[in-house]
Amino acid sequence: MIDNLLVGSLILLVLSIFATVFRLVKGPSAPDRIQALDCLGINLIAGVAIFSVLLRNTGFFEVILLIGILSFIGTIAFARYIERGVVIERKQSD
């Protein structure tokens, strides 16, 4: 019973990922695309977590942590790029 529920939630999550990828490609503006990219990272984390519970394996916890860290850093980098035009500010010596 629980396995069927987990498989059903994975199917719904895959549909959500497809909708997010559509918004990522078709997004009307850059901030919408960044938000879709962050949502995609969250959906991937949820998918890996459900898959881990389905397989009854704790080996995927590092993958979840890695996806979370990369998603966070990517979102911050893109947001800074949109706000300032550069990701890393460098002081120029005169």
Protein backbone atom coordinates (compact mmCIF):
# COMPACT_ATOMS: atom_id res chain seq x y z
CA MET A 1 0.00 0.00 0.00
CA ILE A 2 2.75 2.44 0.95
CA ASP A 3 4.76 1.48 -2.12
CA ASN A 4 1.82 2.34 -4.38
CA LEU A 5 1.46 5.70 -2.65
CA LEU A 6 5.18 6.43 -3.11
CA VAL A 7 5.08 5.47 -6.79
CA GLY A 8 2.02 7.66 -7.30
CA SER A 9 3.73 10.60 -5.63
CA LEU A 10 6.79 10.08 -7.84
CA ILE A 11 4.58 10.17 -10.93
CA LEU A 12 2.95 13.42 -9.79
CA LEU A 13 6.37 14.85 -8.97
CA VAL A 14 7.64 14.01 -12.46
CA LEU A 15 4.65 15.88 -13.93
CA SER A 16 5.53 18.83 -11.71
CA ILE A 17 9.13 18.71 -12.90
CA PHE A 18 7.95 18.77 -16.53
CA ALA A 19 5.78 21.82 -15.81
CA THR A 20 8.73 23.51 -14.10
CA VAL A 21 11.05 22.79 -17.03
CA PHE A 22 8.44 24.28 -19.35
CA ARG A 23 8.38 27.45 -17.23
CA LEU A 24 12.18 27.44 -17.17
CA VAL A 25 12.35 27.41 -20.96
CA LYS A 26 9.34 29.58 -21.72
CA GLY A 27 9.53 31.96 -18.74
CA PRO A 28 8.58 35.52 -19.62
CA SER A 29 11.48 37.07 -17.70
CA ALA A 30 14.79 36.17 -16.11
CA PRO A 31 13.50 36.30 -12.49
CA ASP A 32 10.73 33.86 -13.45
CA ARG A 33 13.34 31.50 -14.88
CA ILE A 34 15.43 31.75 -11.71
CA GLN A 35 12.40 30.97 -9.59
CA ALA A 36 11.63 27.98 -11.83
CA LEU A 37 15.23 26.79 -11.45
CA ASP A 38 14.92 26.98 -7.66
CA CYS A 39 11.61 25.11 -7.82
CA LEU A 40 13.26 22.46 -10.00
CA GLY A 41 15.95 21.96 -7.36
CA ILE A 42 13.32 21.52 -4.66
CA ASN A 43 11.39 19.04 -6.80
CA LEU A 44 14.57 17.06 -7.47
CA ILE A 45 15.31 16.92 -3.74
CA ALA A 46 11.78 15.67 -3.07
CA GLY A 47 12.06 13.10 -5.86
CA VAL A 48 15.34 11.71 -4.57
CA ALA A 49 13.95 11.60 -1.03
CA ILE A 50 10.84 9.68 -2.12
CA PHE A 51 13.00 7.34 -4.21
CA SER A 52 15.23 6.77 -1.18
CA VAL A 53 12.24 5.85 0.98
CA LEU A 54 10.89 3.60 -1.78
CA LEU A 55 14.18 1.69 -1.97
CA ARG A 56 14.64 1.75 1.83
CA ASN A 57 18.18 3.01 1.33
CA THR A 58 19.90 5.87 3.19
CA GLY A 59 22.67 6.21 0.62
CA PHE A 60 20.89 9.01 -1.19
CA PHE A 61 21.06 11.48 1.68
CA GLU A 62 24.38 12.85 0.44
CA VAL A 63 22.86 13.36 -3.00
CA ILE A 64 19.98 15.29 -1.43
CA LEU A 65 22.42 17.49 0.46
CA LEU A 66 24.52 18.09 -2.66
CA ILE A 67 21.50 19.06 -4.77
CA GLY A 68 20.35 21.43 -2.03
CA ILE A 69 23.71 23.16 -1.75
CA LEU A 70 24.12 23.50 -5.52
CA SER A 71 20.57 24.79 -5.93
CA PHE A 72 21.11 27.40 -3.22
CA ILE A 73 24.41 28.59 -4.66
CA GLY A 74 22.99 28.71 -8.18
CA THR A 75 19.97 30.73 -7.09
CA ILE A 76 22.14 33.25 -5.22
CA ALA A 77 24.53 33.57 -8.17
CA PHE A 78 21.76 34.15 -10.70
CA ALA A 79 20.01 36.64 -8.43
CA ARG A 80 23.22 38.62 -7.96
CA TYR A 81 23.81 38.57 -11.70
CA ILE A 82 20.36 39.99 -12.39
CA GLU A 83 20.69 42.60 -9.64
CA ARG A 84 24.23 43.82 -10.28
CA GLY A 85 25.28 42.43 -13.65
CA VAL A 86 28.19 40.48 -12.16
CA VAL A 87 28.35 37.50 -9.85
CA ILE A 88 31.68 38.27 -8.15
CA GLU A 89 32.64 41.87 -7.62
CA ARG A 90 36.33 42.60 -7.99
CA LYS A 91 38.02 45.71 -6.76
CA GLN A 92 40.05 47.32 -9.47
CA SER A 93 43.32 48.88 -8.49
CA ASP A 94 43.99 52.33 -9.93
